[in-house]
Protein backbone atom coordinates (compact mmCIF):
# COMPACT_ATOMS: atom_id res chain seq x y z
CA MET A 1 0.00 0.00 0.00
CA GLU A 2 1.28 3.46 -0.82
CA ALA A 3 2.06 5.83 2.04
CA GLU A 4 -0.57 8.44 1.24
CA PRO A 5 -3.61 9.63 3.17
CA ARG A 6 -7.11 8.44 2.29
CA GLU A 7 -9.33 10.91 0.45
CA ALA A 8 -11.50 11.24 3.54
CA ASP A 9 -8.50 12.65 5.41
CA ALA A 10 -8.66 15.81 3.31
CA ALA A 11 -11.66 16.99 5.35
CA LEU A 12 -9.69 16.67 8.58
CA GLY A 13 -7.37 19.24 10.08
CA PRO A 14 -3.66 18.38 9.81
CA THR A 15 -3.31 17.19 13.41
CA ARG A 16 -6.20 14.74 13.15
CA ALA A 17 -5.12 13.66 9.67
CA LEU A 18 -1.65 12.74 10.96
CA ALA A 19 -3.21 10.88 13.88
CA ARG A 20 -5.50 8.95 11.52
CA PHE A 21 -2.57 8.12 9.26
CA VAL A 22 -0.71 6.53 12.18
CA VAL A 23 -3.72 4.69 13.58
CA GLN A 24 -4.75 3.17 10.24
CA ARG A 25 -1.37 2.03 8.94
CA ARG A 26 -0.60 -1.65 9.42
CA ALA A 27 2.75 -3.41 9.53
CA ALA A 28 1.55 -5.60 6.65
CA ASP A 29 1.40 -2.47 4.47
CA LEU A 30 5.15 -1.77 4.72
CA PRO A 31 7.03 -2.42 1.47
CA PRO A 32 10.11 -4.66 1.84
CA ALA A 33 12.47 -1.76 1.08
CA VAL A 34 10.98 0.25 3.95
CA VAL A 35 11.27 -2.67 6.37
CA HIS A 36 14.91 -3.05 5.36
CA GLN A 37 15.60 0.65 5.84
CA ALA A 38 13.95 0.54 9.27
CA LYS A 39 16.33 -2.29 10.19
CA ARG A 40 19.26 -0.23 8.89
CA CYS A 41 18.13 2.54 11.23
CA LEU A 42 17.94 0.02 14.07
CA VAL A 43 21.48 -1.23 13.45
CA ASP A 44 22.75 2.35 13.44
CA TRP A 45 20.73 3.25 16.57
CA LEU A 46 22.03 0.26 18.51
CA GLY A 47 25.61 1.08 17.59
CA VAL A 48 25.52 4.73 18.57
CA ALA A 49 23.48 4.03 21.73
CA LEU A 50 26.00 1.45 22.88
CA GLY A 51 28.91 3.66 21.88
CA GLY A 52 27.39 6.50 23.88
CA GLN A 53 27.50 4.51 27.11
CA ALA A 54 30.95 5.85 27.92
CA HIS A 55 29.76 9.46 27.97
CA PRO A 56 29.41 11.00 31.45
CA SER A 57 26.03 12.52 30.62
CA VAL A 58 24.59 9.00 30.40
CA ASP A 59 25.90 8.18 33.90
CA ILE A 60 24.31 11.36 35.22
CA LEU A 61 20.95 10.44 33.72
CA LEU A 62 21.22 6.92 35.11
CA GLU A 63 21.71 8.36 38.58
CA TYR A 64 18.69 10.56 37.95
CA ALA A 65 16.66 7.51 36.91
CA ARG A 66 17.73 5.63 40.04
CA LEU A 67 16.84 8.65 42.20
CA ILE A 68 13.39 9.00 40.67
CA GLY A 69 12.80 5.25 40.60
CA GLY A 70 10.00 3.51 38.77
CA THR A 71 8.48 0.20 37.77
CA ARG A 72 10.89 -2.17 36.01
CA GLN A 73 9.30 -2.00 32.57
CA ALA A 74 12.01 -1.39 29.99
CA THR A 75 15.76 -1.78 29.56
CA VAL A 76 18.44 0.89 29.47
CA ILE A 77 20.55 -0.15 26.49
CA GLY A 78 24.04 -1.38 27.38
CA ARG A 79 23.47 -1.24 31.14
CA GLY A 80 21.06 -4.06 31.93
CA LEU A 81 19.12 -1.68 34.20
CA ARG A 82 15.35 -1.89 33.93
CA THR A 83 13.31 1.16 34.81
CA SER A 84 10.04 2.83 33.83
CA VAL A 85 9.26 3.18 30.13
CA PRO A 86 9.62 7.00 30.05
CA LEU A 87 12.93 6.90 31.95
CA ALA A 88 14.35 4.14 29.74
CA ALA A 89 13.40 6.21 26.69
CA LEU A 90 15.07 9.25 28.28
CA VAL A 91 18.42 7.58 28.94
CA ASN A 92 18.46 5.74 25.61
CA GLY A 93 17.63 8.96 23.80
CA GLN A 94 20.62 10.66 25.40
CA ALA A 95 23.00 7.78 24.70
CA SER A 96 21.96 7.52 21.05
CA HIS A 97 22.53 11.21 20.28
CA VAL A 98 25.37 12.32 22.55
CA LEU A 99 28.12 11.17 20.16
CA ASP A 100 26.57 13.09 17.24
CA PHE A 101 27.08 9.89 15.30
CA ASP A 102 23.39 9.16 14.64
CA ASP A 103 21.23 9.42 11.54
CA THR A 104 20.43 12.60 9.61
CA TYR A 105 17.30 13.35 7.60
CA ALA A 106 18.38 16.45 5.70
CA SER A 107 17.01 18.63 2.94
CA SER A 108 17.14 22.29 2.00
CA GLU A 109 14.18 22.80 4.35
CA THR A 110 15.23 21.04 7.54
CA THR A 111 17.66 18.77 9.37
CA LEU A 112 16.29 16.11 11.71
CA HIS A 113 17.86 13.31 13.73
CA GLY A 114 14.74 11.19 13.81
CA THR A 115 16.01 7.84 15.03
CA PRO A 116 17.11 8.73 18.62
CA PRO A 117 13.74 10.07 19.82
CA VAL A 118 11.57 7.68 17.81
CA TYR A 119 13.42 4.40 18.33
CA SER A 120 14.14 5.22 21.98
CA ALA A 121 10.40 5.58 22.53
CA ALA A 122 9.31 2.68 20.33
CA LEU A 123 11.71 0.11 21.75
CA ALA A 124 10.92 0.99 25.36
CA VAL A 125 7.16 0.77 24.82
CA GLY A 126 7.56 -2.29 22.60
CA GLU A 127 9.52 -4.14 25.27
CA TRP A 128 6.95 -3.28 27.95
CA GLN A 129 4.04 -4.31 25.74
CA ARG A 130 5.81 -7.45 24.49
CA ALA A 131 5.27 -6.25 20.94
CA SER A 132 6.73 -8.09 17.98
CA GLY A 133 9.75 -6.77 16.16
CA LEU A 134 7.64 -6.04 13.08
CA ALA A 135 5.17 -4.03 15.16
CA VAL A 136 8.04 -1.90 16.51
CA LEU A 137 9.49 -1.43 13.02
CA ASN A 138 6.08 -0.24 11.81
CA ALA A 139 5.73 2.15 14.77
CA PHE A 140 9.20 3.51 14.06
CA VAL A 141 8.48 4.11 10.35
CA LEU A 142 5.23 5.91 11.19
CA GLY A 143 6.84 7.94 13.96
CA PHE A 144 9.72 8.92 11.69
CA GLU A 145 7.20 10.01 9.05
CA VAL A 146 5.33 12.20 11.54
CA ALA A 147 8.55 13.79 12.83
CA ALA A 148 9.74 14.49 9.29
CA ARG A 149 6.37 15.97 8.24
CA VAL A 150 6.33 18.32 11.24
CA ALA A 151 9.95 19.31 10.58
CA LEU A 152 9.18 20.09 6.93
CA ALA A 153 6.09 22.09 7.88
CA LEU A 154 8.16 24.21 10.27
CA GLY A 155 10.41 25.11 7.33
CA PRO A 156 13.86 26.73 7.38
CA ALA A 157 12.68 29.68 9.47
CA HIS A 158 12.27 27.44 12.52
CA TYR A 159 15.89 26.31 12.45
CA ASP A 160 17.11 29.80 11.56
CA ALA A 161 15.39 31.19 14.66
CA GLY A 162 17.56 28.95 16.85
CA TRP A 163 15.42 25.86 17.43
CA HIS A 164 16.85 22.34 17.35
CA VAL A 165 14.47 20.39 15.11
CA THR A 166 15.22 17.04 16.75
CA GLY A 167 13.92 18.40 20.05
CA THR A 168 10.85 20.12 18.64
CA ALA A 169 9.65 17.94 15.76
CA GLY A 170 11.21 14.72 17.05
CA ARG A 171 8.83 14.54 19.98
CA PHE A 172 5.85 14.25 17.64
CA GLY A 173 7.46 11.16 16.13
CA ALA A 174 8.10 9.68 19.57
CA ALA A 175 4.46 10.24 20.55
CA ALA A 176 3.26 8.68 17.29
CA ALA A 177 5.42 5.57 17.73
CA ALA A 178 4.47 5.14 21.39
CA GLY A 179 0.80 5.76 20.63
CA LYS A 180 0.79 3.21 17.82
CA LEU A 181 2.20 0.51 20.10
CA LEU A 182 -0.24 1.43 22.89
CA GLY A 183 -3.17 1.16 20.48
CA LEU A 184 -4.36 4.76 20.84
CA CYS A 185 -7.41 5.82 18.89
CA GLU A 186 -7.30 8.81 16.58
CA THR A 187 -8.61 11.25 19.19
CA ALA A 188 -6.20 10.11 21.88
CA LEU A 189 -3.22 10.34 19.54
CA ALA A 190 -4.23 13.85 18.46
CA ARG A 191 -4.28 14.76 22.14
CA ALA A 192 -0.85 13.20 22.62
CA PHE A 193 0.38 15.50 19.82
CA GLY A 194 -1.14 18.41 21.74
CA LEU A 195 0.71 17.39 24.88
CA VAL A 196 4.13 17.14 23.26
CA ALA A 197 3.56 20.38 21.34
CA THR A 198 2.90 22.42 24.46
CA GLN A 199 6.16 21.16 26.01
CA ALA A 200 8.36 21.45 22.91
CA GLY A 201 11.82 22.93 23.23
CA GLY A 202 15.44 22.65 22.18
CA MET A 203 17.79 25.57 21.50
CA LYS A 204 20.87 25.69 19.30
CA ALA A 205 22.48 27.85 22.01
CA VAL A 206 23.37 24.69 23.94
CA TYR A 207 25.17 22.96 21.05
CA GLY A 208 28.54 21.74 22.27
CA THR A 209 27.19 20.75 25.71
CA MET A 210 25.41 17.73 27.21
CA ALA A 211 22.11 19.56 26.77
CA LYS A 212 22.15 19.17 22.98
CA ALA A 213 21.67 15.39 23.20
CA HIS A 214 19.15 15.97 25.97
CA HIS A 215 16.83 17.40 23.32
CA ALA A 216 16.52 13.92 21.80
CA ALA A 217 16.24 12.39 25.26
CA ARG A 218 13.40 14.67 26.34
CA ALA A 219 11.66 14.19 23.01
CA ALA A 220 11.65 10.42 23.57
CA HIS A 221 10.59 10.73 27.21
CA ASP A 222 7.86 13.28 26.55
CA GLY A 223 6.50 11.35 23.57
CA VAL A 224 6.07 8.23 25.71
CA ALA A 225 4.58 10.20 28.62
CA ALA A 226 2.15 12.01 26.30
CA ALA A 227 0.91 8.74 24.82
CA LEU A 228 0.43 7.24 28.29
CA LEU A 229 -1.44 10.30 29.53
CA ALA A 230 -3.64 10.46 26.46
CA ARG A 231 -4.47 6.77 26.86
CA ALA A 232 -5.63 7.52 30.41
CA GLY A 233 -7.93 10.31 29.22
CA PHE A 234 -5.72 13.40 29.66
CA THR A 235 -6.94 16.09 27.28
CA ALA A 236 -5.10 18.59 25.11
CA ALA A 237 -5.79 20.54 21.94
CA GLU A 238 -6.67 18.15 19.13
CA ASP A 239 -5.75 20.70 16.45
CA VAL A 240 -2.46 21.81 17.98
CA LEU A 241 -0.52 22.00 14.70
CA GLU A 242 -2.91 24.29 12.85
CA ALA A 243 -4.59 26.20 15.70
CA ARG A 244 -4.42 29.99 15.74
CA HIS A 245 -2.07 29.96 18.72
CA GLY A 246 -0.80 26.49 17.99
CA PHE A 247 2.52 24.93 17.19
CA LEU A 248 3.14 26.19 13.66
CA ALA A 249 1.92 29.68 14.49
CA LEU A 250 4.29 30.02 17.44
CA TYR A 251 7.35 28.03 16.39
CA THR A 252 8.05 29.35 12.91
CA ALA A 253 7.75 32.63 11.04
CA SER A 254 7.06 30.86 7.73
CA ALA A 255 5.02 27.71 8.18
CA VAL A 256 4.49 25.31 5.28
CA PRO A 257 1.40 23.45 6.53
CA GLU A 258 0.90 21.55 3.27
CA ARG A 259 4.06 19.57 4.10
CA LEU A 260 2.23 17.91 7.01
CA ALA A 261 0.50 15.52 4.61
CA PRO A 262 2.48 12.29 4.10
CA ALA A 263 3.97 12.19 0.61
CA ALA A 264 2.11 10.10 -1.97
CA GLY A 265 3.90 6.81 -2.47
CA GLY A 266 6.91 7.74 -0.35
CA TYR A 267 8.32 7.22 3.11
CA ALA A 268 10.58 9.84 4.69
CA VAL A 269 12.72 7.15 6.31
CA LEU A 270 14.01 6.13 2.88
CA ASP A 271 15.78 9.51 2.69
CA ASP A 272 17.51 9.06 6.03
CA GLY A 273 21.32 9.17 6.02
CA PHE A 274 23.92 7.51 8.26
CA LYS A 275 27.04 9.24 9.50
CA PRO A 276 30.55 7.97 8.84
CA TYR A 277 31.99 10.61 11.22
CA PRO A 278 30.86 11.38 14.83
CA CYS A 279 30.27 15.11 14.40
CA GLY A 280 27.79 17.58 12.92
CA SER A 281 26.54 16.29 9.57
CA LEU A 282 27.04 19.72 8.01
CA ILE A 283 30.81 19.20 8.29
CA HIS A 284 31.03 15.83 6.55
CA ALA A 285 31.33 17.08 2.99
CA ALA A 286 34.27 19.29 3.98
CA ILE A 287 36.01 16.31 5.63
CA ASP A 288 35.49 14.24 2.48
CA ALA A 289 36.82 17.06 0.30
CA ALA A 290 39.95 17.50 2.45
CA LEU A 291 40.67 13.79 2.22
CA GLU A 292 40.16 13.78 -1.55
CA ALA A 293 42.37 16.84 -2.00
CA THR A 294 45.25 15.09 -0.23
CA ALA A 295 44.63 11.60 -1.61
CA ALA A 296 47.69 11.73 -3.88
CA GLY A 297 50.03 11.99 -0.93
CA PRO A 298 50.33 13.35 2.62
CA VAL A 299 50.85 17.03 3.25
CA ALA A 300 52.95 18.06 6.22
CA PRO A 301 50.97 20.45 8.45
CA GLU A 302 53.79 23.00 8.40
CA GLN A 303 53.47 23.17 4.60
CA ILE A 304 49.90 24.47 4.84
CA GLU A 305 49.59 28.21 4.48
CA ARG A 306 45.80 28.36 4.57
CA VAL A 307 42.72 26.25 3.86
CA GLU A 308 39.64 27.67 2.20
CA ALA A 309 36.45 25.63 2.53
CA THR A 310 33.44 26.72 0.52
CA VAL A 311 30.34 25.29 2.19
CA ASN A 312 26.64 25.73 2.79
CA PRO A 313 25.88 28.85 4.88
CA TYR A 314 24.68 26.70 7.80
CA THR A 315 28.05 24.93 7.87
CA ALA A 316 29.79 28.32 8.02
CA THR A 317 27.68 29.43 10.99
CA VAL A 318 26.21 26.55 13.01
CA THR A 319 29.36 24.40 12.82
CA ALA A 320 32.02 27.08 12.90
CA LYS A 321 33.45 27.03 16.43
CA ALA A 322 36.87 28.34 15.47
CA ASP A 323 38.73 27.31 18.63
CA PRO A 324 36.73 24.69 20.56
CA ALA A 325 37.80 24.09 24.14
CA THR A 326 36.08 20.73 24.67
CA GLY A 327 35.39 17.59 22.68
CA LEU A 328 31.67 18.34 22.51
CA GLU A 329 32.40 21.80 21.12
CA ALA A 330 34.79 20.27 18.57
CA LYS A 331 31.90 18.27 17.11
CA PHE A 332 30.53 21.61 15.91
CA SER A 333 33.80 22.93 14.54
CA ALA A 334 34.42 22.50 10.82
CA GLN A 335 37.85 24.01 11.47
CA HIS A 336 38.68 21.24 13.94
CA CYS A 337 37.42 18.46 11.67
CA LEU A 338 39.40 19.80 8.71
CA ALA A 339 42.49 19.99 10.90
CA VAL A 340 41.98 16.36 11.91
CA ALA A 341 41.74 15.29 8.27
CA LEU A 342 44.92 17.18 7.37
CA VAL A 343 47.05 16.48 10.45
CA ARG A 344 45.94 12.96 11.27
CA ARG A 345 45.32 12.07 7.61
CA ARG A 346 41.98 10.33 8.04
CA GLY A 347 38.34 11.03 8.68
CA ALA A 348 37.33 12.05 12.18
CA THR A 349 36.83 9.32 14.79
CA LEU A 350 35.62 9.36 18.39
CA GLU A 351 39.13 9.95 19.75
CA ASP A 352 39.29 13.23 17.82
CA PHE A 353 36.50 14.61 20.00
CA ALA A 354 38.05 13.99 23.39
CA ASP A 355 38.82 17.13 25.35
CA GLU A 356 42.53 16.45 24.85
CA ALA A 357 42.10 16.50 21.07
CA ALA A 358 40.33 19.84 21.22
CA ARG A 359 43.41 21.26 22.96
CA ASP A 360 46.00 19.49 20.76
CA PRO A 361 48.56 22.16 19.71
CA ALA A 362 49.05 20.64 16.26
CA LEU A 363 45.32 20.69 15.55
CA ARG A 364 44.92 24.19 16.96
CA ALA A 365 47.69 25.49 14.71
CA VAL A 366 45.97 24.21 11.54
CA ARG A 367 42.51 25.29 12.75
CA GLN A 368 43.73 28.87 12.78
CA ARG A 369 44.49 28.64 9.06
CA VAL A 370 41.02 27.43 8.04
CA GLN A 371 38.62 29.90 6.44
CA LEU A 372 34.97 28.97 5.90
CA VAL A 373 33.09 30.63 3.05
CA GLY A 374 29.33 30.16 2.99
CA ARG A 375 27.62 30.03 -0.40
CA PRO A 376 23.82 29.94 -0.62
CA ASP A 377 23.92 27.85 -3.80
CA TYR A 378 25.78 25.04 -1.99
CA ALA A 379 23.57 22.27 -0.63
CA LYS A 380 24.16 21.09 2.93
CA ASP A 381 26.07 18.05 1.74
CA ARG A 382 28.38 19.85 -0.68
CA ALA A 383 31.82 21.36 -0.07
CA THR A 384 34.87 22.56 -1.97
CA VAL A 385 38.21 22.59 -0.16
CA VAL A 386 41.28 24.40 -1.50
CA ILE A 387 44.57 23.90 0.35
CA HIS A 388 47.17 26.60 -0.31
CA LEU A 389 50.70 25.38 0.34
CA ARG A 390 53.69 27.53 1.23
CA ASP A 391 55.53 26.42 -1.93
CA GLY A 392 52.82 28.00 -4.10
CA ARG A 393 50.94 24.82 -4.98
CA THR A 394 47.22 24.38 -4.37
CA LEU A 395 45.30 21.18 -3.75
CA ARG A 396 41.59 21.18 -4.48
CA ALA A 397 38.58 18.85 -4.29
CA ASP A 398 34.86 19.35 -4.73
CA VAL A 399 32.37 16.95 -3.11
CA ALA A 400 28.83 17.11 -4.47
CA HIS A 401 27.36 14.80 -1.81
CA ALA A 402 28.93 13.83 1.49
CA ARG A 403 29.48 10.17 2.20
CA GLY A 404 26.61 8.68 4.23
CA THR A 405 23.86 10.86 2.77
CA ALA A 406 20.85 9.41 0.97
CA GLU A 407 22.52 10.27 -2.35
CA ARG A 408 25.76 8.51 -1.33
CA PRO A 409 24.68 6.07 1.38
CA LEU A 410 26.62 3.75 3.61
CA ASP A 411 25.83 0.20 2.58
CA ASP A 412 24.78 -2.56 4.96
CA ALA A 413 28.37 -3.68 5.39
CA GLY A 414 29.33 -0.15 6.41
CA LEU A 415 26.58 -0.11 9.04
CA ASP A 416 27.72 -3.52 10.29
CA ALA A 417 31.26 -2.23 10.72
CA LYS A 418 29.99 0.86 12.52
CA LEU A 419 27.98 -1.16 15.05
CA LEU A 420 30.80 -3.64 15.59
CA GLY A 421 33.24 -0.83 16.29
CA LEU A 422 30.94 1.02 18.67
CA ALA A 423 29.36 -1.86 20.55
CA THR A 424 32.24 -4.27 21.07
CA PRO A 425 33.79 -2.36 24.02
CA THR A 426 30.50 -2.80 25.90
CA LEU A 427 29.40 -6.27 24.78
CA GLY A 428 32.55 -8.02 23.62
CA PRO A 429 33.04 -9.36 20.07
CA THR A 430 30.92 -12.53 20.25
CA ARG A 431 27.85 -10.92 21.80
CA THR A 432 28.13 -7.92 19.51
CA ARG A 433 27.95 -10.17 16.45
CA ARG A 434 24.93 -11.93 17.94
CA LEU A 435 23.24 -8.59 18.57
CA LEU A 436 23.89 -7.58 14.97
CA ALA A 437 22.25 -10.78 13.73
CA ARG A 438 19.23 -10.12 15.96
CA ALA A 439 18.88 -6.60 14.57
CA TRP A 440 18.87 -7.77 10.94
CA ALA A 441 16.24 -10.41 11.81
CA PHE A 442 14.16 -8.06 13.96
CA ASP A 443 11.13 -8.25 11.68
CA GLN A 444 10.88 -11.95 12.60
CA ALA A 445 11.27 -11.44 16.36
CA PRO A 446 8.16 -12.40 18.38
CA ASP A 447 9.17 -10.26 21.37
CA THR A 448 11.03 -6.94 21.34
CA GLY A 449 12.45 -7.52 24.81
CA ALA A 450 14.91 -10.15 23.59
CA LEU A 451 16.79 -7.50 21.60
CA ALA A 452 16.95 -5.12 24.56
CA ARG A 453 18.15 -7.87 26.90
CA ALA A 454 20.88 -8.81 24.44
CA THR A 455 22.54 -5.43 25.10
CA ARG A 456 23.38 -6.12 28.77
CA PRO A 457 27.06 -5.30 29.45
CA ARG A 458 29.54 -8.10 29.17
CA THR A 459 30.85 -10.02 32.13
CA ILE A 460 34.07 -11.97 32.60
CA GLY A 461 34.20 -14.72 30.03
CA ASP A 462 31.94 -13.01 27.46
């Protein structure tokens, strides 16, 4: 069945139409390519969530979860701890976004990291409800679609004003996924949308701190909580997206409400991209270009006079921390990532975003020679890098599409390698390979909980 609304939906307001879309869609309707892409998203989510376990912000949230307490309903990935569904979604949402290594749904209109809030909600609810793997995959696809539609309807003005789309639009996807698995009716799901809308937040001002990933965490938590409250009869505006003082009216200066309707014959998740580098996706094309420009042979850092990177205007502003002081700040520094490519002669890895790397004198010296030039005609995944050498030579490369984007995707083998690299320190090699096999067969799993339990940390002998 094509992913388009029924004709009768045209008479509904956008909020109710989205709710009806989610309620009526069945797992049996998913095309095989969409099921496969949802599993690709799951493999990526598991890898980055397990890789994120080493970050101190996850430990802080775990202590918070223990302090608050709650019924043992769902698993915190990589820890073996069971806590309430909303708290499990919260911690897993943080872990799966804190490395900035997670998925990116990007267009000229918006940038959304849909998997952390939506899968964190769907897997927690699915485990609690003993839902099948296919049911969770379906809930994820529908939640991703809702998050993407809301993000597109907010348009570029929302992001330009300083909002983080993953925190604002992502929570609608989390509510949709949780509501689908809880069996909400159309009215209850519309109310759940009203509840997440009235709590929406997430500011770009906190990029480079633990709070950036907390946007995804709160989106997952609040989506689950909204679905649970709506199921119990809690009321909220049922037209929150289109209301006079509703979400679109307040959160963007230039709403595009027609984008709320699911695209005829398409699924937004098919346009999702997967990162090869653990940093802001806007920087990836510049990294690729720097590596291509120096592919013929290494360039000694002292030979570099200056580096000129022509990029999308967002890259030249949002990810332009010229002299980051911490590893988290370095994830939003195109200058730092270019310096890594040129000094360490490879694409950025997790070790390049430790605090020590941000303060590395060799990297700082090259960072100071990087100039970013924003061009409006450059797409977000395009970059041109010109390296001017002291001997008068120039090295140049133009990248039309960054590696990992929908136009130049990582293949399944690349996603396997990513999960194996990120998860092995927590699970050990044998159990990581078993987890990977479970993820690829998730559509056949009778019980979601088996996947979550397979992420418990390794013990001696594993």
